[in-house]
């Protein structure tokens, strides 16, 4: 939103795209780690 207010639409889209991918990886990694290191049922 700050980038859009500054008139930098490309930066705003880049921020959203990068963090969307990062958020997916964060959740997938957490689930994978608990399944491998903890308990498969968990």
ModelCIF file with pLDDT and N, C-alpha, C, O atoms, coordinates in Angstrom:
data_MODEL
#
_entry.id   MODEL 
#
_entity.id                         1 
_entity.type                       polymer 
_entity.pdbx_number_of_molecules   1 
#
_entity_poly.entity_id                      1 
_entity_poly.type                           'polypeptide(L)' 
_entity_poly.nstd_linkage                   no 
_entity_poly.nstd_monomer                   no 
_entity_poly.pdbx_seq_one_letter_code       
;(UNK)(UNK)(UNK)(UNK)(UNK)(UNK)(UNK)(UNK)(UNK)(UNK)(UNK)(UNK)(UNK)(UNK)(UNK)(UNK)
(UNK)(UNK)(UNK)(UNK)(UNK)(UNK)(UNK)(UNK)(UNK)(UNK)(UNK)(UNK)(UNK)(UNK)(UNK)(UNK)
(UNK)(UNK)(UNK)(UNK)(UNK)(UNK)(UNK)(UNK)(UNK)(UNK)
;
_entity_poly.pdbx_seq_one_letter_code_can   XXXXXXXXXXXXXXXXXXXXXXXXXXXXXXXXXXXXXXXXXX 
_entity_poly.pdbx_strand_id                 A 
#
loop_
_entity_poly_seq.entity_id 
_entity_poly_seq.num 
_entity_poly_seq.mon_id 
_entity_poly_seq.hetero 
1 1  UNK n 
1 2  UNK n 
1 3  UNK n 
1 4  UNK n 
1 5  UNK n 
1 6  UNK n 
1 7  UNK n 
1 8  UNK n 
1 9  UNK n 
1 10 UNK n 
1 11 UNK n 
1 12 UNK n 
1 13 UNK n 
1 14 UNK n 
1 15 UNK n 
1 16 UNK n 
1 17 UNK n 
1 18 UNK n 
1 19 UNK n 
1 20 UNK n 
1 21 UNK n 
1 22 UNK n 
1 23 UNK n 
1 24 UNK n 
1 25 UNK n 
1 26 UNK n 
1 27 UNK n 
1 28 UNK n 
1 29 UNK n 
1 30 UNK n 
1 31 UNK n 
1 32 UNK n 
1 33 UNK n 
1 34 UNK n 
1 35 UNK n 
1 36 UNK n 
1 37 UNK n 
1 38 UNK n 
1 39 UNK n 
1 40 UNK n 
1 41 UNK n 
1 42 UNK n 
#
_struct_asym.id          A 
_struct_asym.entity_id   1 
#
loop_
_ma_qa_metric.id 
_ma_qa_metric.mode 
_ma_qa_metric.name 
_ma_qa_metric.software_group_id 
_ma_qa_metric.type 
1 global pLDDT . pLDDT 
2 local  pLDDT . pLDDT 
#
_ma_qa_metric_global.metric_id      1 
_ma_qa_metric_global.metric_value   94.38 
_ma_qa_metric_global.model_id       1 
_ma_qa_metric_global.ordinal_id     1 
#
loop_
_ma_qa_metric_local.label_asym_id 
_ma_qa_metric_local.label_comp_id 
_ma_qa_metric_local.label_seq_id 
_ma_qa_metric_local.metric_id 
_ma_qa_metric_local.metric_value 
_ma_qa_metric_local.model_id 
_ma_qa_metric_local.ordinal_id 
A UNK 1  2 95.00 1 1  
A UNK 2  2 95.00 1 2  
A UNK 3  2 95.00 1 3  
A UNK 4  2 94.00 1 4  
A UNK 5  2 95.00 1 5  
A UNK 6  2 94.00 1 6  
A UNK 7  2 93.00 1 7  
A UNK 8  2 93.00 1 8  
A UNK 9  2 95.00 1 9  
A UNK 10 2 95.00 1 10 
A UNK 11 2 94.00 1 11 
A UNK 12 2 95.00 1 12 
A UNK 13 2 95.00 1 13 
A UNK 14 2 95.00 1 14 
A UNK 15 2 95.00 1 15 
A UNK 16 2 93.00 1 16 
A UNK 17 2 94.00 1 17 
A UNK 18 2 94.00 1 18 
A UNK 19 2 95.00 1 19 
A UNK 20 2 92.00 1 20 
A UNK 21 2 94.00 1 21 
A UNK 22 2 94.00 1 22 
A UNK 23 2 93.00 1 23 
A UNK 24 2 93.00 1 24 
A UNK 25 2 96.00 1 25 
A UNK 26 2 95.00 1 26 
A UNK 27 2 95.00 1 27 
A UNK 28 2 96.00 1 28 
A UNK 29 2 96.00 1 29 
A UNK 30 2 96.00 1 30 
A UNK 31 2 96.00 1 31 
A UNK 32 2 96.00 1 32 
A UNK 33 2 96.00 1 33 
A UNK 34 2 96.00 1 34 
A UNK 35 2 95.00 1 35 
A UNK 36 2 95.00 1 36 
A UNK 37 2 93.00 1 37 
A UNK 38 2 87.00 1 38 
A UNK 39 2 90.00 1 39 
A UNK 40 2 94.00 1 40 
A UNK 41 2 96.00 1 41 
A UNK 42 2 96.00 1 42 
#
loop_
_atom_site.group_PDB 
_atom_site.id 
_atom_site.type_symbol 
_atom_site.label_atom_id 
_atom_site.label_alt_id 
_atom_site.label_comp_id 
_atom_site.label_asym_id 
_atom_site.label_entity_id 
_atom_site.label_seq_id 
_atom_site.pdbx_PDB_ins_code 
_atom_site.Cartn_x 
_atom_site.Cartn_y 
_atom_site.Cartn_z 
_atom_site.occupancy 
_atom_site.B_iso_or_equiv 
_atom_site.pdbx_formal_charge 
_atom_site.auth_seq_id 
_atom_site.auth_comp_id 
_atom_site.auth_asym_id 
_atom_site.auth_atom_id 
_atom_site.pdbx_PDB_model_num 
ATOM 1   N N  . UNK A 1 1  ? 0.833  -1.200  0.000  1.00 95.00 ? 1  UNK A N  1 
ATOM 2   C CA . UNK A 1 1  ? 0.000  0.000   0.000  1.00 95.00 ? 1  UNK A CA 1 
ATOM 3   C C  . UNK A 1 1  ? 0.868  1.251   0.000  1.00 95.00 ? 1  UNK A C  1 
ATOM 4   O O  . UNK A 1 1  ? 0.569  2.225   -0.691 1.00 95.00 ? 1  UNK A O  1 
ATOM 5   N N  . UNK A 1 2  ? 1.952  1.218   0.785  1.00 95.00 ? 2  UNK A N  1 
ATOM 6   C CA . UNK A 1 2  ? 2.888  2.342   0.797  1.00 95.00 ? 2  UNK A CA 1 
ATOM 7   C C  . UNK A 1 2  ? 3.520  2.530   -0.586 1.00 95.00 ? 2  UNK A C  1 
ATOM 8   O O  . UNK A 1 2  ? 3.668  3.656   -1.061 1.00 95.00 ? 2  UNK A O  1 
ATOM 9   N N  . UNK A 1 3  ? 3.891  1.418   -1.224 1.00 95.00 ? 3  UNK A N  1 
ATOM 10  C CA . UNK A 1 3  ? 4.494  1.502   -2.560 1.00 95.00 ? 3  UNK A CA 1 
ATOM 11  C C  . UNK A 1 3  ? 3.499  2.056   -3.575 1.00 95.00 ? 3  UNK A C  1 
ATOM 12  O O  . UNK A 1 3  ? 3.875  2.832   -4.453 1.00 95.00 ? 3  UNK A O  1 
ATOM 13  N N  . UNK A 1 4  ? 2.238  1.662   -3.458 1.00 94.00 ? 4  UNK A N  1 
ATOM 14  C CA . UNK A 1 4  ? 1.212  2.192   -4.372 1.00 94.00 ? 4  UNK A CA 1 
ATOM 15  C C  . UNK A 1 4  ? 1.006  3.684   -4.165 1.00 94.00 ? 4  UNK A C  1 
ATOM 16  O O  . UNK A 1 4  ? 0.851  4.434   -5.128 1.00 94.00 ? 4  UNK A O  1 
ATOM 17  N N  . UNK A 1 5  ? 1.006  4.113   -2.910 1.00 95.00 ? 5  UNK A N  1 
ATOM 18  C CA . UNK A 1 5  ? 0.846  5.538   -2.629 1.00 95.00 ? 5  UNK A CA 1 
ATOM 19  C C  . UNK A 1 5  ? 2.011  6.345   -3.191 1.00 95.00 ? 5  UNK A C  1 
ATOM 20  O O  . UNK A 1 5  ? 1.851  7.502   -3.581 1.00 95.00 ? 5  UNK A O  1 
ATOM 21  N N  . UNK A 1 6  ? 3.192  5.716   -3.226 1.00 94.00 ? 6  UNK A N  1 
ATOM 22  C CA . UNK A 1 6  ? 4.374  6.382   -3.784 1.00 94.00 ? 6  UNK A CA 1 
ATOM 23  C C  . UNK A 1 6  ? 4.400  6.301   -5.306 1.00 94.00 ? 6  UNK A C  1 
ATOM 24  O O  . UNK A 1 6  ? 5.300  6.847   -5.944 1.00 94.00 ? 6  UNK A O  1 
ATOM 25  N N  . UNK A 1 7  ? 3.409  5.616   -5.891 1.00 93.00 ? 7  UNK A N  1 
ATOM 26  C CA . UNK A 1 7  ? 3.314  5.507   -7.343 1.00 93.00 ? 7  UNK A CA 1 
ATOM 27  C C  . UNK A 1 7  ? 4.144  4.385   -7.937 1.00 93.00 ? 7  UNK A C  1 
ATOM 28  O O  . UNK A 1 7  ? 4.375  4.361   -9.146 1.00 93.00 ? 7  UNK A O  1 
ATOM 29  N N  . UNK A 1 8  ? 4.600  3.451   -7.102 1.00 93.00 ? 8  UNK A N  1 
ATOM 30  C CA . UNK A 1 8  ? 5.443  2.354   -7.578 1.00 93.00 ? 8  UNK A CA 1 
ATOM 31  C C  . UNK A 1 8  ? 4.627  1.060   -7.619 1.00 93.00 ? 8  UNK A C  1 
ATOM 32  O O  . UNK A 1 8  ? 4.727  0.220   -6.724 1.00 93.00 ? 8  UNK A O  1 
ATOM 33  N N  . UNK A 1 9  ? 3.834  0.917   -8.652 1.00 95.00 ? 9  UNK A N  1 
ATOM 34  C CA . UNK A 1 9  ? 2.943  -0.235  -8.794 1.00 95.00 ? 9  UNK A CA 1 
ATOM 35  C C  . UNK A 1 9  ? 3.720  -1.551  -8.951 1.00 95.00 ? 9  UNK A C  1 
ATOM 36  O O  . UNK A 1 9  ? 3.315  -2.587  -8.424 1.00 95.00 ? 9  UNK A O  1 
ATOM 37  N N  . UNK A 1 10 ? 4.844  -1.496  -9.685 1.00 95.00 ? 10 UNK A N  1 
ATOM 38  C CA . UNK A 1 10 ? 5.636  -2.706  -9.912 1.00 95.00 ? 10 UNK A CA 1 
ATOM 39  C C  . UNK A 1 10 ? 6.207  -3.231  -8.593 1.00 95.00 ? 10 UNK A C  1 
ATOM 40  O O  . UNK A 1 10 ? 6.223  -4.440  -8.363 1.00 95.00 ? 10 UNK A O  1 
ATOM 41  N N  . UNK A 1 11 ? 6.668  -2.345  -7.741 1.00 94.00 ? 11 UNK A N  1 
ATOM 42  C CA . UNK A 1 11 ? 7.197  -2.765  -6.442 1.00 94.00 ? 11 UNK A CA 1 
ATOM 43  C C  . UNK A 1 11 ? 6.081  -3.377  -5.584 1.00 94.00 ? 11 UNK A C  1 
ATOM 44  O O  . UNK A 1 11 ? 6.290  -4.385  -4.909 1.00 94.00 ? 11 UNK A O  1 
ATOM 45  N N  . UNK A 1 12 ? 4.915  -2.766  -5.618 1.00 95.00 ? 12 UNK A N  1 
ATOM 46  C CA . UNK A 1 12 ? 3.788  -3.281  -4.840 1.00 95.00 ? 12 UNK A CA 1 
ATOM 47  C C  . UNK A 1 12 ? 3.429  -4.697  -5.279 1.00 95.00 ? 12 UNK A C  1 
ATOM 48  O O  . UNK A 1 12 ? 3.203  -5.572  -4.443 1.00 95.00 ? 12 UNK A O  1 
ATOM 49  N N  . UNK A 1 13 ? 3.378  -4.919  -6.583 1.00 95.00 ? 13 UNK A N  1 
ATOM 50  C CA . UNK A 1 13 ? 3.059  -6.258  -7.088 1.00 95.00 ? 13 UNK A CA 1 
ATOM 51  C C  . UNK A 1 13 ? 4.165  -7.255  -6.738 1.00 95.00 ? 13 UNK A C  1 
ATOM 52  O O  . UNK A 1 13 ? 3.880  -8.412  -6.429 1.00 95.00 ? 13 UNK A O  1 
ATOM 53  N N  . UNK A 1 14 ? 5.415  -6.815  -6.784 1.00 95.00 ? 14 UNK A N  1 
ATOM 54  C CA . UNK A 1 14 ? 6.536  -7.675  -6.419 1.00 95.00 ? 14 UNK A CA 1 
ATOM 55  C C  . UNK A 1 14 ? 6.490  -8.096  -4.963 1.00 95.00 ? 14 UNK A C  1 
ATOM 56  O O  . UNK A 1 14 ? 6.778  -9.245  -4.629 1.00 95.00 ? 14 UNK A O  1 
ATOM 57  N N  . UNK A 1 15 ? 6.128  -7.164  -4.103 1.00 95.00 ? 15 UNK A N  1 
ATOM 58  C CA . UNK A 1 15 ? 6.015  -7.470  -2.667 1.00 95.00 ? 15 UNK A CA 1 
ATOM 59  C C  . UNK A 1 15 ? 4.948  -8.529  -2.442 1.00 95.00 ? 15 UNK A C  1 
ATOM 60  O O  . UNK A 1 15 ? 5.178  -9.505  -1.729 1.00 95.00 ? 15 UNK A O  1 
ATOM 61  N N  . UNK A 1 16 ? 3.789  -8.341  -3.044 1.00 93.00 ? 16 UNK A N  1 
ATOM 62  C CA . UNK A 1 16 ? 2.692  -9.298  -2.866 1.00 93.00 ? 16 UNK A CA 1 
ATOM 63  C C  . UNK A 1 16 ? 3.063  -10.668 -3.436 1.00 93.00 ? 16 UNK A C  1 
ATOM 64  O O  . UNK A 1 16 ? 2.810  -11.692 -2.802 1.00 93.00 ? 16 UNK A O  1 
ATOM 65  N N  . UNK A 1 17 ? 3.657  -10.691 -4.624 1.00 94.00 ? 17 UNK A N  1 
ATOM 66  C CA . UNK A 1 17 ? 4.023  -11.967 -5.253 1.00 94.00 ? 17 UNK A CA 1 
ATOM 67  C C  . UNK A 1 17 ? 5.060  -12.718 -4.422 1.00 94.00 ? 17 UNK A C  1 
ATOM 68  O O  . UNK A 1 17 ? 4.911  -13.915 -4.175 1.00 94.00 ? 17 UNK A O  1 
ATOM 69  N N  . UNK A 1 18 ? 6.092  -12.030 -3.997 1.00 94.00 ? 18 UNK A N  1 
ATOM 70  C CA . UNK A 1 18 ? 7.163  -12.691 -3.238 1.00 94.00 ? 18 UNK A CA 1 
ATOM 71  C C  . UNK A 1 18 ? 6.666  -13.207 -1.897 1.00 94.00 ? 18 UNK A C  1 
ATOM 72  O O  . UNK A 1 18 ? 6.993  -14.325 -1.499 1.00 94.00 ? 18 UNK A O  1 
ATOM 73  N N  . UNK A 1 19 ? 5.886  -12.405 -1.207 1.00 95.00 ? 19 UNK A N  1 
ATOM 74  C CA . UNK A 1 19 ? 5.418  -12.852 0.103  1.00 95.00 ? 19 UNK A CA 1 
ATOM 75  C C  . UNK A 1 19 ? 4.361  -13.942 -0.008 1.00 95.00 ? 19 UNK A C  1 
ATOM 76  O O  . UNK A 1 19 ? 4.244  -14.773 0.892  1.00 95.00 ? 19 UNK A O  1 
ATOM 77  N N  . UNK A 1 20 ? 3.601  -13.957 -1.072 1.00 92.00 ? 20 UNK A N  1 
ATOM 78  C CA . UNK A 1 20 ? 2.634  -15.041 -1.261 1.00 92.00 ? 20 UNK A CA 1 
ATOM 79  C C  . UNK A 1 20 ? 3.353  -16.373 -1.403 1.00 92.00 ? 20 UNK A C  1 
ATOM 80  O O  . UNK A 1 20 ? 2.972  -17.362 -0.777 1.00 92.00 ? 20 UNK A O  1 
ATOM 81  N N  . UNK A 1 21 ? 4.386  -16.395 -2.219 1.00 94.00 ? 21 UNK A N  1 
ATOM 82  C CA . UNK A 1 21 ? 5.171  -17.632 -2.359 1.00 94.00 ? 21 UNK A CA 1 
ATOM 83  C C  . UNK A 1 21 ? 5.845  -18.003 -1.049 1.00 94.00 ? 21 UNK A C  1 
ATOM 84  O O  . UNK A 1 21 ? 5.868  -19.174 -0.670 1.00 94.00 ? 21 UNK A O  1 
ATOM 85  N N  . UNK A 1 22 ? 6.388  -17.021 -0.362 1.00 94.00 ? 22 UNK A N  1 
ATOM 86  C CA . UNK A 1 22 ? 7.047  -17.285 0.919  1.00 94.00 ? 22 UNK A CA 1 
ATOM 87  C C  . UNK A 1 22 ? 6.093  -17.834 1.961  1.00 94.00 ? 22 UNK A C  1 
ATOM 88  O O  . UNK A 1 22 ? 6.456  -18.722 2.733  1.00 94.00 ? 22 UNK A O  1 
ATOM 89  N N  . UNK A 1 23 ? 4.875  -17.315 1.989  1.00 93.00 ? 23 UNK A N  1 
ATOM 90  C CA . UNK A 1 23 ? 3.890  -17.806 2.958  1.00 93.00 ? 23 UNK A CA 1 
ATOM 91  C C  . UNK A 1 23 ? 3.511  -19.257 2.684  1.00 93.00 ? 23 UNK A C  1 
ATOM 92  O O  . UNK A 1 23 ? 3.338  -20.040 3.618  1.00 93.00 ? 23 UNK A O  1 
ATOM 93  N N  . UNK A 1 24 ? 3.383  -19.613 1.431  1.00 93.00 ? 24 UNK A N  1 
ATOM 94  C CA . UNK A 1 24 ? 3.072  -21.004 1.079  1.00 93.00 ? 24 UNK A CA 1 
ATOM 95  C C  . UNK A 1 24 ? 4.212  -21.920 1.515  1.00 93.00 ? 24 UNK A C  1 
ATOM 96  O O  . UNK A 1 24 ? 3.978  -22.980 2.096  1.00 93.00 ? 24 UNK A O  1 
ATOM 97  N N  . UNK A 1 25 ? 5.442  -21.508 1.232  1.00 96.00 ? 25 UNK A N  1 
ATOM 98  C CA . UNK A 1 25 ? 6.605  -22.312 1.633  1.00 96.00 ? 25 UNK A CA 1 
ATOM 99  C C  . UNK A 1 25 ? 6.701  -22.427 3.154  1.00 96.00 ? 25 UNK A C  1 
ATOM 100 O O  . UNK A 1 25 ? 7.056  -23.488 3.667  1.00 96.00 ? 25 UNK A O  1 
ATOM 101 N N  . UNK A 1 26 ? 6.399  -21.377 3.865  1.00 95.00 ? 26 UNK A N  1 
ATOM 102 C CA . UNK A 1 26 ? 6.429  -21.407 5.327  1.00 95.00 ? 26 UNK A CA 1 
ATOM 103 C C  . UNK A 1 26 ? 5.477  -22.458 5.876  1.00 95.00 ? 26 UNK A C  1 
ATOM 104 O O  . UNK A 1 26 ? 5.854  -23.262 6.728  1.00 95.00 ? 26 UNK A O  1 
ATOM 105 N N  . UNK A 1 27 ? 4.247  -22.450 5.388  1.00 95.00 ? 27 UNK A N  1 
ATOM 106 C CA . UNK A 1 27 ? 3.259  -23.405 5.891  1.00 95.00 ? 27 UNK A CA 1 
ATOM 107 C C  . UNK A 1 27 ? 3.600  -24.833 5.477  1.00 95.00 ? 27 UNK A C  1 
ATOM 108 O O  . UNK A 1 27 ? 3.485  -25.759 6.280  1.00 95.00 ? 27 UNK A O  1 
ATOM 109 N N  . UNK A 1 28 ? 4.019  -25.010 4.230  1.00 96.00 ? 28 UNK A N  1 
ATOM 110 C CA . UNK A 1 28 ? 4.359  -26.355 3.754  1.00 96.00 ? 28 UNK A CA 1 
ATOM 111 C C  . UNK A 1 28 ? 5.547  -26.924 4.515  1.00 96.00 ? 28 UNK A C  1 
ATOM 112 O O  . UNK A 1 28 ? 5.556  -28.107 4.857  1.00 96.00 ? 28 UNK A O  1 
ATOM 113 N N  . UNK A 1 29 ? 6.544  -26.097 4.781  1.00 96.00 ? 29 UNK A N  1 
ATOM 114 C CA . UNK A 1 29 ? 7.722  -26.562 5.517  1.00 96.00 ? 29 UNK A CA 1 
ATOM 115 C C  . UNK A 1 29 ? 7.363  -26.940 6.943  1.00 96.00 ? 29 UNK A C  1 
ATOM 116 O O  . UNK A 1 29 ? 7.839  -27.955 7.451  1.00 96.00 ? 29 UNK A O  1 
ATOM 117 N N  . UNK A 1 30 ? 6.538  -26.144 7.591  1.00 96.00 ? 30 UNK A N  1 
ATOM 118 C CA . UNK A 1 30 ? 6.127  -26.454 8.963  1.00 96.00 ? 30 UNK A CA 1 
ATOM 119 C C  . UNK A 1 30 ? 5.383  -27.784 9.028  1.00 96.00 ? 30 UNK A C  1 
ATOM 120 O O  . UNK A 1 30 ? 5.642  -28.599 9.913  1.00 96.00 ? 30 UNK A O  1 
ATOM 121 N N  . UNK A 1 31 ? 4.469  -28.003 8.101  1.00 96.00 ? 31 UNK A N  1 
ATOM 122 C CA . UNK A 1 31 ? 3.702  -29.252 8.074  1.00 96.00 ? 31 UNK A CA 1 
ATOM 123 C C  . UNK A 1 31 ? 4.625  -30.434 7.782  1.00 96.00 ? 31 UNK A C  1 
ATOM 124 O O  . UNK A 1 31 ? 4.519  -31.480 8.422  1.00 96.00 ? 31 UNK A O  1 
ATOM 125 N N  . UNK A 1 32 ? 5.515  -30.270 6.831  1.00 96.00 ? 32 UNK A N  1 
ATOM 126 C CA . UNK A 1 32 ? 6.445  -31.339 6.479  1.00 96.00 ? 32 UNK A CA 1 
ATOM 127 C C  . UNK A 1 32 ? 7.352  -31.693 7.653  1.00 96.00 ? 32 UNK A C  1 
ATOM 128 O O  . UNK A 1 32 ? 7.564  -32.870 7.945  1.00 96.00 ? 32 UNK A O  1 
ATOM 129 N N  . UNK A 1 33 ? 7.879  -30.688 8.318  1.00 96.00 ? 33 UNK A N  1 
ATOM 130 C CA . UNK A 1 33 ? 8.780  -30.947 9.442  1.00 96.00 ? 33 UNK A CA 1 
ATOM 131 C C  . UNK A 1 33 ? 8.091  -31.651 10.595 1.00 96.00 ? 33 UNK A C  1 
ATOM 132 O O  . UNK A 1 33 ? 8.658  -32.564 11.195 1.00 96.00 ? 33 UNK A O  1 
ATOM 133 N N  . UNK A 1 34 ? 6.876  -31.237 10.910 1.00 96.00 ? 34 UNK A N  1 
ATOM 134 C CA . UNK A 1 34 ? 6.186  -31.909 12.021 1.00 96.00 ? 34 UNK A CA 1 
ATOM 135 C C  . UNK A 1 34 ? 5.846  -33.349 11.634 1.00 96.00 ? 34 UNK A C  1 
ATOM 136 O O  . UNK A 1 34 ? 5.835  -34.232 12.492 1.00 96.00 ? 34 UNK A O  1 
ATOM 137 N N  . UNK A 1 35 ? 5.573  -33.590 10.370 1.00 95.00 ? 35 UNK A N  1 
ATOM 138 C CA . UNK A 1 35 ? 5.283  -34.953 9.926  1.00 95.00 ? 35 UNK A CA 1 
ATOM 139 C C  . UNK A 1 35 ? 6.512  -35.838 9.920  1.00 95.00 ? 35 UNK A C  1 
ATOM 140 O O  . UNK A 1 35 ? 6.425  -37.021 10.251 1.00 95.00 ? 35 UNK A O  1 
ATOM 141 N N  . UNK A 1 36 ? 7.660  -35.280 9.548  1.00 95.00 ? 36 UNK A N  1 
ATOM 142 C CA . UNK A 1 36 ? 8.898  -36.067 9.487  1.00 95.00 ? 36 UNK A CA 1 
ATOM 143 C C  . UNK A 1 36 ? 9.589  -36.193 10.836 1.00 95.00 ? 36 UNK A C  1 
ATOM 144 O O  . UNK A 1 36 ? 10.044 -37.278 11.199 1.00 95.00 ? 36 UNK A O  1 
ATOM 145 N N  . UNK A 1 37 ? 9.673  -35.105 11.577 1.00 93.00 ? 37 UNK A N  1 
ATOM 146 C CA . UNK A 1 37 ? 10.410 -35.114 12.838 1.00 93.00 ? 37 UNK A CA 1 
ATOM 147 C C  . UNK A 1 37 ? 9.539  -35.464 14.036 1.00 93.00 ? 37 UNK A C  1 
ATOM 148 O O  . UNK A 1 37 ? 10.033 -35.996 15.030 1.00 93.00 ? 37 UNK A O  1 
ATOM 149 N N  . UNK A 1 38 ? 8.281  -35.177 13.948 1.00 87.00 ? 38 UNK A N  1 
ATOM 150 C CA . UNK A 1 38 ? 7.372  -35.444 15.053 1.00 87.00 ? 38 UNK A CA 1 
ATOM 151 C C  . UNK A 1 38 ? 6.626  -36.740 14.823 1.00 87.00 ? 38 UNK A C  1 
ATOM 152 O O  . UNK A 1 38 ? 7.185  -37.831 14.937 1.00 87.00 ? 38 UNK A O  1 
ATOM 153 N N  . UNK A 1 39 ? 5.383  -36.604 14.505 1.00 90.00 ? 39 UNK A N  1 
ATOM 154 C CA . UNK A 1 39 ? 4.492  -37.747 14.336 1.00 90.00 ? 39 UNK A CA 1 
ATOM 155 C C  . UNK A 1 39 ? 3.774  -37.592 12.998 1.00 90.00 ? 39 UNK A C  1 
ATOM 156 O O  . UNK A 1 39 ? 3.332  -36.499 12.645 1.00 90.00 ? 39 UNK A O  1 
ATOM 157 N N  . UNK A 1 40 ? 3.663  -38.681 12.266 1.00 94.00 ? 40 UNK A N  1 
ATOM 158 C CA . UNK A 1 40 ? 2.999  -38.606 10.949 1.00 94.00 ? 40 UNK A CA 1 
ATOM 159 C C  . UNK A 1 40 ? 1.541  -38.179 11.083 1.00 94.00 ? 40 UNK A C  1 
ATOM 160 O O  . UNK A 1 40 ? 1.028  -37.424 10.257 1.00 94.00 ? 40 UNK A O  1 
ATOM 161 N N  . UNK A 1 41 ? 0.881  -38.666 12.127 1.00 96.00 ? 41 UNK A N  1 
ATOM 162 C CA . UNK A 1 41 ? -0.518 -38.283 12.335 1.00 96.00 ? 41 UNK A CA 1 
ATOM 163 C C  . UNK A 1 41 ? -0.635 -36.788 12.638 1.00 96.00 ? 41 UNK A C  1 
ATOM 164 O O  . UNK A 1 41 ? -1.571 -36.131 12.182 1.00 96.00 ? 41 UNK A O  1 
ATOM 165 N N  . UNK A 1 42 ? 0.310  -36.255 13.405 1.00 96.00 ? 42 UNK A N  1 
ATOM 166 C CA . UNK A 1 42 ? 0.314  -34.819 13.698 1.00 96.00 ? 42 UNK A CA 1 
ATOM 167 C C  . UNK A 1 42 ? 0.534  -34.022 12.412 1.00 96.00 ? 42 UNK A C  1 
ATOM 168 O O  . UNK A 1 42 ? 0.571  -32.792 12.446 1.00 96.00 ? 42 UNK A O  1 
#
